[in-house]
Each structure stands twice: as structure tokens, then as C-alpha cells.
């Protein structure tokens, strides 16, 4: 049953999943930009194929079979992002869309060669962990930037990679994976986190700062 649409559903469910329970249909519909009704019909098909466990008003979970497919697609995507960045020099705000187009087409053999060529990397250009060849996901360590108090120095470990405009803003500000910085102010009431990076002052919303993982120093 595997197809581009099926793989996109399984990947989205995997990325939205956490330990708290199943992924709500509405949340999945927003991620995929599809109507909830269409999502419900597809989830019923995926459940019949043994790829998910789904019940109305209880959300959806991946089965082991579905998780295996989802992790393979995630591995393809993140290795392709790193390959496009390191080998072809594409900026980190452009590789996500290109990898989205390629992740379904590459063979397992080609992905294995890319992995070997890159030296079996642990992270993609945005700091996301790359599953190994056995599908084992490495730990996503780090502290959300929004939780760091004022005067905290940090190293940036990971940023979300779905918004090219935001990634360009970070790149132009010098806030890349591996960059050093310091939290100048963290104002929950104002919803703003202010940073110093490379002598420049940067302001982020707390919502976006919450999705950026750092290592406090």
C-alpha cells in the first residue's frame, strides 16, 4: 500500500507523536493541510492495512509496521538534507523542500551509499537526529531556549526546519547549529526572548524559542 501519500501520512503521525497519547485528527489535518474528513477516510484505510491504530475521538497511533515505514522516510529526508547542504552547497533554508520531493524516490541502496559517503552522520543541517540503518532514533537532547533564564550562555543544537523564512532570519543573524550565544532577557509576560549572538542582538517569540533546543553552558 506504500505510496507518497501514505508515507507522508505516516511521517506526519510519527513527527506529531509523543508519549501523551494518540495524534488528534485535527492536528494531523493541519500539518498535512487537508480537511479532517479526508484525513479520517485515509486513517481508516491505513488501519485496515495494519499501519496505524485508529479510533474516532481517540486519535491515531502508528503500529510497528507503520513506524518502520515512517522512520525510513525520516532517515531518507534528513540524510538528503545533509547531502544537499554539504555536497551541493544548498543553504539550510532550501534543503527541506528539495528533500521532501526526493525522500520518496531514493532507493535504500542509494541512501546507504549517501550515509556511507557522509560518514554515518548523527545530525542533519538543522540538528535533527538521523535514524541509523536499523531504524534506531538517536536521543534528541537539549533544553528549549524559552526555558533559559537571563544571562545564560548556550550552544545551539537544533532548530525546526519547516519555515524557510525563519531559517533565513536565523542564518542572517548568525544563529546556526553550533553557534554560541547568550540569553539577554526572557520575558514570559511580553512573549519575547532576546539573545546576543556574535555581537548582534536578536529577538524571538517565546513560541519559536520553545522549539529551538540549546545546551546551556
N, C-alpha and C. Protein backbone atom coordinates (compact mmCIF):
# COMPACT_ATOMS: atom_id res chain seq x y z
N UNK A 1 0.82 -1.21 0.00
CA UNK A 1 0.00 0.00 0.00
C UNK A 1 0.85 1.26 0.00
N UNK A 2 2.15 1.12 0.17
CA UNK A 2 3.01 2.29 0.32
C UNK A 2 2.97 3.17 -0.92
N UNK A 3 2.77 4.45 -0.73
CA UNK A 3 2.76 5.44 -1.79
C UNK A 3 3.25 6.74 -1.18
N UNK A 4 3.41 7.77 -2.02
CA UNK A 4 3.86 9.05 -1.49
C UNK A 4 2.87 9.57 -0.45
N UNK A 5 1.58 9.47 -0.74
CA UNK A 5 0.57 9.96 0.21
C UNK A 5 0.61 9.19 1.52
N UNK A 6 0.68 7.87 1.42
CA UNK A 6 0.74 7.04 2.62
C UNK A 6 1.98 7.38 3.44
N UNK A 7 3.12 7.49 2.79
CA UNK A 7 4.36 7.80 3.50
C UNK A 7 4.29 9.17 4.16
N UNK A 8 3.67 10.14 3.50
CA UNK A 8 3.53 11.47 4.10
C UNK A 8 2.65 11.43 5.35
N UNK A 9 1.58 10.64 5.30
CA UNK A 9 0.72 10.48 6.48
C UNK A 9 1.51 9.85 7.63
N UNK A 10 2.20 8.76 7.35
CA UNK A 10 2.92 8.05 8.41
C UNK A 10 4.02 8.92 9.00
N UNK A 11 4.72 9.66 8.15
CA UNK A 11 5.78 10.54 8.65
C UNK A 11 5.20 11.64 9.53
N UNK A 12 4.08 12.22 9.10
CA UNK A 12 3.46 13.29 9.90
C UNK A 12 2.98 12.76 11.25
N UNK A 13 2.39 11.58 11.26
CA UNK A 13 1.94 10.99 12.53
C UNK A 13 3.14 10.75 13.44
N UNK A 14 4.23 10.24 12.87
CA UNK A 14 5.44 9.98 13.66
C UNK A 14 5.98 11.27 14.26
N UNK A 15 6.03 12.33 13.47
CA UNK A 15 6.60 13.59 13.94
C UNK A 15 5.71 14.29 14.97
N UNK A 16 4.41 14.03 14.90
CA UNK A 16 3.48 14.66 15.85
C UNK A 16 3.28 13.83 17.11
N UNK A 17 3.74 12.59 17.09
CA UNK A 17 3.50 11.68 18.21
C UNK A 17 4.34 12.05 19.42
N UNK A 18 3.80 11.79 20.60
CA UNK A 18 4.57 11.91 21.84
C UNK A 18 4.01 10.89 22.82
N UNK A 19 4.54 10.90 24.01
CA UNK A 19 4.16 9.88 24.99
C UNK A 19 2.79 10.12 25.60
N UNK A 20 2.15 11.24 25.31
CA UNK A 20 0.90 11.59 25.97
C UNK A 20 -0.32 10.87 25.38
N UNK A 21 -0.19 10.34 24.18
CA UNK A 21 -1.35 9.66 23.59
C UNK A 21 -1.33 9.75 22.08
N UNK A 22 -2.47 9.39 21.48
CA UNK A 22 -2.56 9.40 20.03
C UNK A 22 -2.59 10.81 19.47
N UNK A 23 -2.31 10.93 18.17
CA UNK A 23 -2.32 12.21 17.49
C UNK A 23 -3.76 12.55 17.11
N UNK A 24 -4.29 13.70 17.53
CA UNK A 24 -5.66 14.07 17.16
C UNK A 24 -5.80 14.25 15.65
N UNK A 25 -6.96 13.89 15.12
CA UNK A 25 -7.20 14.01 13.69
C UNK A 25 -7.05 15.45 13.22
N UNK A 26 -7.57 16.38 14.00
CA UNK A 26 -7.49 17.79 13.62
C UNK A 26 -6.07 18.29 13.51
N UNK A 27 -5.21 17.85 14.44
CA UNK A 27 -3.80 18.26 14.41
C UNK A 27 -3.10 17.70 13.18
N UNK A 28 -3.42 16.45 12.84
CA UNK A 28 -2.84 15.84 11.64
C UNK A 28 -3.32 16.55 10.39
N UNK A 29 -4.60 16.92 10.35
CA UNK A 29 -5.15 17.63 9.20
C UNK A 29 -4.46 18.97 9.00
N UNK A 30 -4.18 19.67 10.10
CA UNK A 30 -3.48 20.96 9.99
C UNK A 30 -2.07 20.78 9.47
N UNK A 31 -1.37 19.75 9.94
CA UNK A 31 0.01 19.52 9.49
C UNK A 31 0.04 19.21 7.99
N UNK A 32 -0.92 18.40 7.53
CA UNK A 32 -0.94 17.99 6.13
C UNK A 32 -1.71 18.96 5.23
N UNK A 33 -2.37 19.94 5.85
CA UNK A 33 -3.17 20.92 5.11
C UNK A 33 -4.25 20.22 4.28
N UNK A 34 -4.97 19.31 4.95
CA UNK A 34 -6.03 18.52 4.34
C UNK A 34 -7.24 18.60 5.26
N UNK A 35 -8.44 18.48 4.71
CA UNK A 35 -9.66 18.55 5.53
C UNK A 35 -9.72 17.37 6.49
N UNK A 36 -10.28 17.57 7.70
CA UNK A 36 -10.40 16.47 8.67
C UNK A 36 -11.16 15.27 8.11
N UNK A 37 -12.16 15.52 7.28
CA UNK A 37 -12.91 14.42 6.70
C UNK A 37 -12.05 13.53 5.82
N UNK A 38 -11.19 14.14 5.01
CA UNK A 38 -10.30 13.37 4.15
C UNK A 38 -9.28 12.60 4.98
N UNK A 39 -8.82 13.22 6.07
CA UNK A 39 -7.86 12.55 6.95
C UNK A 39 -8.50 11.31 7.58
N UNK A 40 -9.74 11.44 8.02
CA UNK A 40 -10.44 10.31 8.65
C UNK A 40 -10.54 9.13 7.68
N UNK A 41 -10.89 9.41 6.44
CA UNK A 41 -11.01 8.33 5.45
C UNK A 41 -9.67 7.64 5.23
N UNK A 42 -8.59 8.42 5.15
CA UNK A 42 -7.27 7.82 4.93
C UNK A 42 -6.83 7.02 6.15
N UNK A 43 -7.11 7.50 7.34
CA UNK A 43 -6.73 6.77 8.54
C UNK A 43 -7.44 5.43 8.63
N UNK A 44 -8.67 5.38 8.16
CA UNK A 44 -9.39 4.11 8.14
C UNK A 44 -8.71 3.13 7.19
N UNK A 45 -8.24 3.63 6.05
CA UNK A 45 -7.51 2.78 5.10
C UNK A 45 -6.18 2.31 5.69
N UNK A 46 -5.48 3.22 6.35
CA UNK A 46 -4.20 2.86 6.96
C UNK A 46 -4.39 1.84 8.07
N UNK A 47 -5.48 1.96 8.81
CA UNK A 47 -5.77 0.99 9.87
C UNK A 47 -6.05 -0.38 9.28
N UNK A 48 -6.79 -0.42 8.19
CA UNK A 48 -7.09 -1.69 7.52
C UNK A 48 -5.81 -2.35 7.01
N UNK A 49 -4.83 -1.54 6.63
CA UNK A 49 -3.56 -2.07 6.13
C UNK A 49 -2.60 -2.43 7.26
N UNK A 50 -3.00 -2.18 8.51
CA UNK A 50 -2.14 -2.53 9.64
C UNK A 50 -1.03 -1.54 9.91
N UNK A 51 -1.15 -0.32 9.37
CA UNK A 51 -0.09 0.68 9.53
C UNK A 51 -0.33 1.61 10.73
N UNK A 52 -1.60 1.75 11.13
CA UNK A 52 -1.93 2.59 12.28
C UNK A 52 -3.01 1.92 13.10
N UNK A 53 -3.16 2.42 14.33
CA UNK A 53 -4.30 2.08 15.17
C UNK A 53 -5.12 3.35 15.31
N UNK A 54 -6.37 3.26 14.88
CA UNK A 54 -7.19 4.47 14.85
C UNK A 54 -8.59 4.19 15.37
N UNK A 55 -9.10 5.09 16.20
CA UNK A 55 -10.48 5.05 16.68
C UNK A 55 -10.98 6.48 16.78
N UNK A 56 -12.21 6.70 16.37
CA UNK A 56 -12.78 8.05 16.39
C UNK A 56 -12.69 8.64 17.80
N UNK A 57 -12.28 9.91 17.87
CA UNK A 57 -12.18 10.68 19.13
C UNK A 57 -11.06 10.19 20.04
N UNK A 58 -10.23 9.26 19.56
CA UNK A 58 -9.10 8.77 20.36
C UNK A 58 -7.76 9.02 19.69
N UNK A 59 -7.78 9.61 18.52
CA UNK A 59 -6.54 9.90 17.83
C UNK A 59 -5.99 8.67 17.11
N UNK A 60 -4.78 8.81 16.61
CA UNK A 60 -4.17 7.74 15.81
C UNK A 60 -2.75 7.48 16.29
N UNK A 61 -2.36 6.22 16.29
CA UNK A 61 -1.01 5.81 16.65
C UNK A 61 -0.45 4.93 15.54
N UNK A 62 0.85 4.95 15.37
CA UNK A 62 1.50 4.05 14.41
C UNK A 62 1.64 2.66 15.01
N UNK A 63 1.44 1.65 14.17
CA UNK A 63 1.81 0.30 14.57
C UNK A 63 3.31 0.13 14.34
N UNK A 64 3.87 -0.99 14.73
CA UNK A 64 5.29 -1.23 14.47
C UNK A 64 5.58 -1.20 12.97
N UNK A 65 4.65 -1.75 12.20
CA UNK A 65 4.80 -1.75 10.74
C UNK A 65 4.78 -0.32 10.19
N UNK A 66 3.86 0.50 10.68
CA UNK A 66 3.77 1.88 10.23
C UNK A 66 4.96 2.71 10.68
N UNK A 67 5.42 2.45 11.91
CA UNK A 67 6.58 3.18 12.43
C UNK A 67 7.84 2.89 11.61
N UNK A 68 7.98 1.65 11.17
CA UNK A 68 9.15 1.27 10.37
C UNK A 68 9.18 2.07 9.07
N UNK A 69 8.02 2.22 8.43
CA UNK A 69 7.95 3.00 7.19
C UNK A 69 8.25 4.47 7.47
N UNK A 70 7.65 5.01 8.54
CA UNK A 70 7.83 6.42 8.86
C UNK A 70 9.29 6.75 9.15
N UNK A 71 9.96 5.91 9.92
CA UNK A 71 11.36 6.17 10.27
C UNK A 71 12.25 6.09 9.03
N UNK A 72 11.92 5.17 8.11
CA UNK A 72 12.71 5.09 6.87
C UNK A 72 12.60 6.38 6.08
N UNK A 73 11.40 6.95 6.00
CA UNK A 73 11.21 8.21 5.27
C UNK A 73 11.94 9.35 5.97
N UNK A 74 11.86 9.40 7.29
CA UNK A 74 12.57 10.43 8.06
C UNK A 74 14.07 10.31 7.84
N UNK A 75 14.58 9.08 7.85
CA UNK A 75 16.02 8.86 7.60
C UNK A 75 16.40 9.36 6.21
N UNK A 76 15.60 9.00 5.21
CA UNK A 76 15.87 9.46 3.84
C UNK A 76 15.92 10.98 3.79
N UNK A 77 14.92 11.61 4.40
CA UNK A 77 14.80 13.07 4.35
C UNK A 77 16.02 13.76 4.97
N UNK A 78 16.39 13.32 6.15
CA UNK A 78 17.46 14.02 6.86
C UNK A 78 18.84 13.77 6.24
N UNK A 79 19.06 12.58 5.72
CA UNK A 79 20.31 12.33 5.02
C UNK A 79 20.38 13.14 3.73
N UNK A 80 19.27 13.25 3.03
CA UNK A 80 19.24 14.05 1.81
C UNK A 80 19.49 15.52 2.11
N UNK A 81 18.92 16.02 3.20
CA UNK A 81 19.17 17.42 3.57
C UNK A 81 20.66 17.66 3.79
N UNK A 82 21.30 16.76 4.51
CA UNK A 82 22.72 16.93 4.80
C UNK A 82 23.56 16.80 3.54
N UNK A 83 23.18 15.86 2.67
CA UNK A 83 23.90 15.68 1.41
C UNK A 83 23.79 16.93 0.54
N UNK A 84 22.59 17.48 0.44
CA UNK A 84 22.39 18.68 -0.38
C UNK A 84 23.15 19.88 0.18
N UNK A 85 23.25 19.94 1.50
CA UNK A 85 23.98 21.05 2.13
C UNK A 85 25.49 20.89 1.99
N UNK A 86 26.00 19.71 2.36
CA UNK A 86 27.44 19.50 2.38
C UNK A 86 28.05 19.33 1.01
N UNK A 87 27.33 18.67 0.11
CA UNK A 87 27.90 18.34 -1.20
C UNK A 87 27.57 19.37 -2.27
N UNK A 88 26.33 19.83 -2.30
CA UNK A 88 25.91 20.77 -3.34
C UNK A 88 25.87 22.21 -2.86
N UNK A 89 26.06 22.41 -1.57
CA UNK A 89 26.13 23.77 -1.05
C UNK A 89 24.81 24.50 -0.94
N UNK A 90 23.69 23.78 -0.93
CA UNK A 90 22.40 24.44 -0.76
C UNK A 90 22.29 24.97 0.67
N UNK A 91 21.75 26.18 0.83
CA UNK A 91 21.57 26.73 2.19
C UNK A 91 20.53 25.96 2.96
N UNK A 92 20.62 26.00 4.29
CA UNK A 92 19.75 25.17 5.12
C UNK A 92 18.28 25.56 5.04
N UNK A 93 17.96 26.76 4.50
CA UNK A 93 16.56 27.14 4.36
C UNK A 93 15.93 26.64 3.06
N UNK A 94 16.73 25.98 2.20
CA UNK A 94 16.22 25.48 0.93
C UNK A 94 16.16 23.96 0.87
N UNK A 95 16.91 23.28 1.73
CA UNK A 95 17.05 21.83 1.57
C UNK A 95 15.80 21.06 1.98
N UNK A 96 14.98 21.62 2.87
CA UNK A 96 13.80 20.88 3.34
C UNK A 96 12.85 20.55 2.19
N UNK A 97 12.52 21.55 1.39
CA UNK A 97 11.59 21.33 0.28
C UNK A 97 12.16 20.36 -0.74
N UNK A 98 13.45 20.48 -1.04
CA UNK A 98 14.07 19.57 -2.00
C UNK A 98 14.06 18.14 -1.47
N UNK A 99 14.36 17.99 -0.19
CA UNK A 99 14.36 16.65 0.41
C UNK A 99 12.96 16.05 0.45
N UNK A 100 11.94 16.91 0.63
CA UNK A 100 10.56 16.44 0.60
C UNK A 100 10.24 15.78 -0.73
N UNK A 101 10.77 16.36 -1.81
CA UNK A 101 10.49 15.82 -3.14
C UNK A 101 11.27 14.53 -3.42
N UNK A 102 12.46 14.41 -2.83
CA UNK A 102 13.33 13.28 -3.14
C UNK A 102 13.17 12.09 -2.20
N UNK A 103 12.66 12.32 -1.00
CA UNK A 103 12.68 11.29 0.03
C UNK A 103 11.90 10.02 -0.34
N UNK A 104 10.91 10.16 -1.21
CA UNK A 104 10.09 9.02 -1.59
C UNK A 104 10.67 8.26 -2.78
N UNK A 105 11.60 8.90 -3.49
CA UNK A 105 12.08 8.32 -4.74
C UNK A 105 13.41 7.56 -4.60
N UNK A 106 14.19 7.89 -3.59
CA UNK A 106 15.51 7.27 -3.46
C UNK A 106 15.38 5.82 -2.99
N UNK A 107 16.26 4.99 -3.49
CA UNK A 107 16.27 3.58 -3.08
C UNK A 107 17.03 3.42 -1.77
N UNK A 108 16.79 2.32 -1.09
CA UNK A 108 17.52 2.03 0.15
C UNK A 108 19.02 1.91 -0.13
N UNK A 109 19.36 1.39 -1.30
CA UNK A 109 20.77 1.24 -1.66
C UNK A 109 21.44 2.61 -1.81
N UNK A 110 20.76 3.55 -2.46
CA UNK A 110 21.33 4.88 -2.63
C UNK A 110 21.46 5.59 -1.29
N UNK A 111 20.45 5.45 -0.45
CA UNK A 111 20.50 6.08 0.88
C UNK A 111 21.68 5.53 1.68
N UNK A 112 21.91 4.22 1.57
CA UNK A 112 23.04 3.61 2.28
C UNK A 112 24.37 4.18 1.77
N UNK A 113 24.46 4.42 0.47
CA UNK A 113 25.70 4.99 -0.09
C UNK A 113 25.89 6.43 0.36
N UNK A 114 24.79 7.19 0.42
CA UNK A 114 24.87 8.57 0.90
C UNK A 114 25.31 8.59 2.36
N UNK A 115 24.74 7.70 3.16
CA UNK A 115 25.09 7.61 4.57
C UNK A 115 26.58 7.30 4.73
N UNK A 116 27.08 6.36 3.94
CA UNK A 116 28.49 5.99 4.00
C UNK A 116 29.37 7.15 3.54
N UNK A 117 28.98 7.81 2.46
CA UNK A 117 29.75 8.92 1.91
C UNK A 117 29.87 10.07 2.93
N UNK A 118 28.80 10.30 3.69
CA UNK A 118 28.80 11.38 4.67
C UNK A 118 29.44 10.98 6.00
N UNK A 119 29.84 9.71 6.12
CA UNK A 119 30.49 9.26 7.34
C UNK A 119 29.52 8.88 8.44
N UNK A 120 28.35 8.39 8.05
CA UNK A 120 27.32 7.96 9.02
C UNK A 120 27.02 9.07 10.04
N UNK A 121 26.55 10.22 9.55
CA UNK A 121 26.33 11.37 10.44
C UNK A 121 25.20 11.14 11.44
N UNK A 122 25.27 11.84 12.55
CA UNK A 122 24.26 11.73 13.60
C UNK A 122 23.17 12.79 13.48
N UNK A 123 23.45 13.92 12.80
CA UNK A 123 22.51 15.04 12.74
C UNK A 123 22.41 15.60 11.33
N UNK A 124 21.23 16.15 11.02
CA UNK A 124 21.06 16.83 9.74
C UNK A 124 21.44 18.30 9.90
N UNK A 125 21.33 19.14 8.86
CA UNK A 125 21.79 20.53 8.99
C UNK A 125 21.06 21.35 10.04
N UNK A 126 19.86 20.91 10.43
CA UNK A 126 19.09 21.65 11.43
C UNK A 126 19.26 21.09 12.83
N UNK A 127 20.13 20.07 12.95
CA UNK A 127 20.38 19.47 14.26
C UNK A 127 19.45 18.33 14.60
N UNK A 128 18.54 17.96 13.69
CA UNK A 128 17.64 16.83 13.95
C UNK A 128 18.42 15.52 13.88
N UNK A 129 18.12 14.57 14.77
CA UNK A 129 18.84 13.29 14.76
C UNK A 129 18.46 12.46 13.53
N UNK A 130 19.44 11.79 12.94
CA UNK A 130 19.22 10.93 11.79
C UNK A 130 19.14 9.49 12.28
N UNK A 131 18.02 8.79 12.01
CA UNK A 131 17.94 7.37 12.40
C UNK A 131 19.06 6.57 11.74
N UNK A 132 19.56 5.55 12.44
CA UNK A 132 20.60 4.73 11.83
C UNK A 132 19.97 3.72 10.88
N UNK A 133 20.80 2.88 10.28
CA UNK A 133 20.33 1.94 9.26
C UNK A 133 19.34 0.93 9.82
N UNK A 134 19.36 0.71 11.13
CA UNK A 134 18.43 -0.22 11.76
C UNK A 134 17.15 0.46 12.22
N UNK A 135 17.04 1.76 11.96
CA UNK A 135 15.84 2.49 12.34
C UNK A 135 15.86 3.01 13.76
N UNK A 136 17.01 2.93 14.43
CA UNK A 136 17.10 3.42 15.79
C UNK A 136 17.30 4.93 15.78
N UNK A 137 16.41 5.64 16.50
CA UNK A 137 16.49 7.10 16.55
C UNK A 137 17.39 7.54 17.70
N UNK A 138 18.32 8.40 17.39
CA UNK A 138 19.21 8.91 18.43
C UNK A 138 18.46 9.90 19.32
N UNK A 139 18.95 10.08 20.53
CA UNK A 139 18.30 10.94 21.51
C UNK A 139 18.27 12.39 21.06
N UNK A 140 17.13 13.04 21.27
CA UNK A 140 17.01 14.47 20.97
C UNK A 140 17.30 15.27 22.23
N UNK A 141 18.56 15.39 22.58
CA UNK A 141 18.91 16.09 23.81
C UNK A 141 18.80 17.59 23.60
N UNK A 142 18.81 18.32 24.71
CA UNK A 142 18.78 19.78 24.61
C UNK A 142 17.70 20.38 25.48
N UNK A 143 17.84 21.66 25.74
CA UNK A 143 16.90 22.43 26.55
C UNK A 143 16.22 23.46 25.66
N UNK A 144 14.89 23.57 25.70
CA UNK A 144 14.22 24.61 24.92
C UNK A 144 14.76 25.99 25.28
N UNK A 145 15.05 26.77 24.28
CA UNK A 145 15.62 28.10 24.51
C UNK A 145 14.68 28.95 25.37
N UNK A 146 13.38 28.74 25.24
CA UNK A 146 12.42 29.53 26.01
C UNK A 146 12.51 29.27 27.51
N UNK A 147 13.17 28.17 27.91
CA UNK A 147 13.28 27.84 29.33
C UNK A 147 14.56 28.40 29.96
N UNK A 148 15.42 29.00 29.16
CA UNK A 148 16.69 29.54 29.68
C UNK A 148 16.47 30.93 30.30
N UNK A 149 17.01 31.12 31.48
CA UNK A 149 16.86 32.41 32.15
C UNK A 149 17.89 33.41 31.60
N UNK A 150 17.70 34.67 31.94
CA UNK A 150 18.61 35.72 31.50
C UNK A 150 20.04 35.44 31.96
N UNK A 151 20.99 35.84 31.15
CA UNK A 151 22.43 35.70 31.40
C UNK A 151 22.93 34.27 31.16
N UNK A 152 22.10 33.41 30.55
CA UNK A 152 22.53 32.03 30.30
C UNK A 152 23.26 31.93 28.97
N UNK A 153 24.54 31.53 28.96
CA UNK A 153 25.23 31.26 27.70
C UNK A 153 24.81 29.89 27.19
N UNK A 154 24.85 29.70 25.88
CA UNK A 154 24.38 28.44 25.31
C UNK A 154 25.06 28.14 23.98
N UNK A 155 24.93 26.88 23.55
CA UNK A 155 25.30 26.46 22.20
C UNK A 155 24.03 25.93 21.54
N UNK A 156 23.76 26.38 20.32
CA UNK A 156 22.54 25.96 19.63
C UNK A 156 22.70 24.55 19.08
N UNK A 157 21.74 23.68 19.40
CA UNK A 157 21.80 22.28 18.99
C UNK A 157 20.84 21.93 17.86
N UNK A 158 19.64 22.52 17.86
CA UNK A 158 18.62 22.07 16.92
C UNK A 158 17.57 23.15 16.72
N UNK A 159 17.13 23.31 15.47
CA UNK A 159 16.05 24.25 15.15
C UNK A 159 15.02 23.55 14.26
N UNK A 160 13.75 23.99 14.29
CA UNK A 160 12.77 23.41 13.37
C UNK A 160 13.10 23.81 11.95
N UNK A 161 12.80 22.93 11.00
CA UNK A 161 13.23 23.19 9.62
C UNK A 161 12.08 23.36 8.63
N UNK A 162 10.89 23.73 9.11
CA UNK A 162 9.74 23.80 8.21
C UNK A 162 9.46 25.19 7.68
N UNK A 163 10.11 26.23 8.19
CA UNK A 163 9.84 27.59 7.75
C UNK A 163 11.08 28.21 7.12
N UNK A 164 11.14 28.27 5.78
CA UNK A 164 12.32 28.86 5.11
C UNK A 164 12.57 30.30 5.55
N UNK A 165 11.51 31.10 5.72
CA UNK A 165 11.70 32.49 6.10
C UNK A 165 12.37 32.59 7.47
N UNK A 166 11.94 31.75 8.41
CA UNK A 166 12.54 31.80 9.74
C UNK A 166 13.98 31.32 9.71
N UNK A 167 14.26 30.27 8.93
CA UNK A 167 15.63 29.77 8.82
C UNK A 167 16.54 30.82 8.19
N UNK A 168 16.02 31.56 7.22
CA UNK A 168 16.84 32.63 6.63
C UNK A 168 17.11 33.73 7.66
N UNK A 169 16.10 34.02 8.49
CA UNK A 169 16.29 35.02 9.55
C UNK A 169 17.38 34.57 10.51
N UNK A 170 17.34 33.30 10.92
CA UNK A 170 18.37 32.79 11.82
C UNK A 170 19.74 32.81 11.15
N UNK A 171 19.79 32.39 9.89
CA UNK A 171 21.07 32.37 9.17
C UNK A 171 21.66 33.77 9.08
N UNK A 172 20.84 34.74 8.71
CA UNK A 172 21.33 36.11 8.58
C UNK A 172 21.73 36.70 9.93
N UNK A 173 21.18 36.14 11.01
CA UNK A 173 21.50 36.62 12.35
C UNK A 173 22.68 35.87 12.96
N UNK A 174 23.19 34.85 12.25
CA UNK A 174 24.31 34.07 12.76
C UNK A 174 23.89 32.99 13.73
N UNK A 175 22.59 32.72 13.84
CA UNK A 175 22.10 31.74 14.81
C UNK A 175 21.93 30.40 14.10
N UNK A 176 23.06 29.73 13.85
CA UNK A 176 23.09 28.44 13.18
C UNK A 176 23.41 27.34 14.19
N UNK A 177 23.18 26.10 13.79
CA UNK A 177 23.54 24.97 14.65
C UNK A 177 25.04 25.04 14.97
N UNK A 178 25.37 24.96 16.25
CA UNK A 178 26.75 25.06 16.69
C UNK A 178 27.15 26.46 17.13
N UNK A 179 26.30 27.46 16.90
CA UNK A 179 26.63 28.83 17.26
C UNK A 179 26.54 29.02 18.77
N UNK A 180 27.40 29.90 19.29
CA UNK A 180 27.37 30.28 20.70
C UNK A 180 26.55 31.56 20.87
N UNK A 181 25.85 31.65 21.97
CA UNK A 181 25.09 32.86 22.25
C UNK A 181 24.81 33.00 23.73
N UNK A 182 24.10 34.06 24.07
CA UNK A 182 23.72 34.32 25.47
C UNK A 182 22.30 34.85 25.50
N UNK A 183 21.50 34.34 26.42
CA UNK A 183 20.16 34.89 26.63
C UNK A 183 20.30 36.20 27.40
N UNK A 184 19.86 37.29 26.80
CA UNK A 184 19.93 38.58 27.47
C UNK A 184 18.71 38.80 28.35
N UNK A 185 17.53 38.52 27.80
CA UNK A 185 16.28 38.69 28.54
C UNK A 185 15.30 37.59 28.15
N UNK A 186 14.53 37.15 29.12
CA UNK A 186 13.45 36.20 28.87
C UNK A 186 12.21 36.75 29.56
N UNK A 187 11.27 37.24 28.77
CA UNK A 187 10.11 37.93 29.32
C UNK A 187 8.82 37.18 28.97
N UNK A 188 8.41 36.26 29.83
CA UNK A 188 7.18 35.50 29.57
C UNK A 188 5.96 36.39 29.38
N UNK A 189 5.85 37.46 30.15
CA UNK A 189 4.68 38.33 30.05
C UNK A 189 4.60 39.03 28.70
N UNK A 190 5.77 39.34 28.13
CA UNK A 190 5.81 40.00 26.82
C UNK A 190 5.89 39.00 25.67
N UNK A 191 6.18 37.73 26.02
CA UNK A 191 6.27 36.71 24.99
C UNK A 191 7.50 36.83 24.11
N UNK A 192 8.59 37.36 24.67
CA UNK A 192 9.80 37.61 23.87
C UNK A 192 11.03 37.10 24.60
N UNK A 193 11.95 36.49 23.82
CA UNK A 193 13.26 36.10 24.31
C UNK A 193 14.29 36.86 23.49
N UNK A 194 15.20 37.57 24.18
CA UNK A 194 16.21 38.38 23.50
C UNK A 194 17.57 37.74 23.69
N UNK A 195 18.32 37.58 22.59
CA UNK A 195 19.61 36.90 22.60
C UNK A 195 20.72 37.81 22.10
N UNK A 196 21.94 37.43 22.46
CA UNK A 196 23.14 38.04 21.86
C UNK A 196 23.91 36.93 21.18
N UNK A 197 24.15 37.09 19.90
CA UNK A 197 24.91 36.11 19.12
C UNK A 197 25.90 36.84 18.23
N UNK A 198 27.18 36.59 18.44
CA UNK A 198 28.21 37.22 17.62
C UNK A 198 28.18 38.72 17.66
N UNK A 199 27.84 39.28 18.80
CA UNK A 199 27.81 40.74 18.93
C UNK A 199 26.52 41.37 18.44
N UNK A 200 25.55 40.54 17.98
CA UNK A 200 24.28 41.06 17.49
C UNK A 200 23.15 40.69 18.46
N UNK A 201 22.16 41.55 18.55
CA UNK A 201 21.00 41.30 19.40
C UNK A 201 19.86 40.79 18.55
N UNK A 202 19.24 39.69 18.98
CA UNK A 202 18.17 39.04 18.24
C UNK A 202 16.98 38.83 19.16
N UNK A 203 15.79 39.11 18.66
CA UNK A 203 14.57 38.88 19.43
C UNK A 203 13.73 37.79 18.77
N UNK A 204 13.26 36.84 19.60
CA UNK A 204 12.42 35.76 19.12
C UNK A 204 11.15 35.69 19.95
N UNK A 205 10.07 35.21 19.35
CA UNK A 205 8.87 34.95 20.15
C UNK A 205 9.15 33.75 21.04
N UNK A 206 8.48 33.67 22.17
CA UNK A 206 8.69 32.53 23.07
C UNK A 206 8.20 31.23 22.42
N UNK A 207 7.20 31.34 21.56
CA UNK A 207 6.70 30.15 20.87
C UNK A 207 7.79 29.54 20.00
N UNK A 208 8.48 30.38 19.24
CA UNK A 208 9.56 29.86 18.40
C UNK A 208 10.77 29.46 19.24
N UNK A 209 11.06 30.22 20.28
CA UNK A 209 12.17 29.88 21.16
C UNK A 209 11.96 28.54 21.84
N UNK A 210 10.70 28.18 22.06
CA UNK A 210 10.39 26.90 22.70
C UNK A 210 10.74 25.72 21.80
N UNK A 211 10.79 25.93 20.47
CA UNK A 211 11.08 24.85 19.55
C UNK A 211 12.57 24.73 19.23
N UNK A 212 13.36 25.68 19.70
CA UNK A 212 14.81 25.66 19.48
C UNK A 212 15.48 25.03 20.68
N UNK A 213 16.28 24.02 20.42
CA UNK A 213 16.98 23.31 21.50
C UNK A 213 18.42 23.79 21.60
N UNK A 214 18.87 24.04 22.84
CA UNK A 214 20.23 24.50 23.08
C UNK A 214 20.86 23.69 24.21
N UNK A 215 22.17 23.84 24.36
CA UNK A 215 22.86 23.29 25.52
C UNK A 215 23.36 24.45 26.36
N UNK A 216 22.76 24.72 27.52
CA UNK A 216 23.24 25.80 28.38
C UNK A 216 24.65 25.51 28.84
N UNK A 217 25.47 26.54 28.93
CA UNK A 217 26.86 26.39 29.32
C UNK A 217 27.07 26.87 30.75
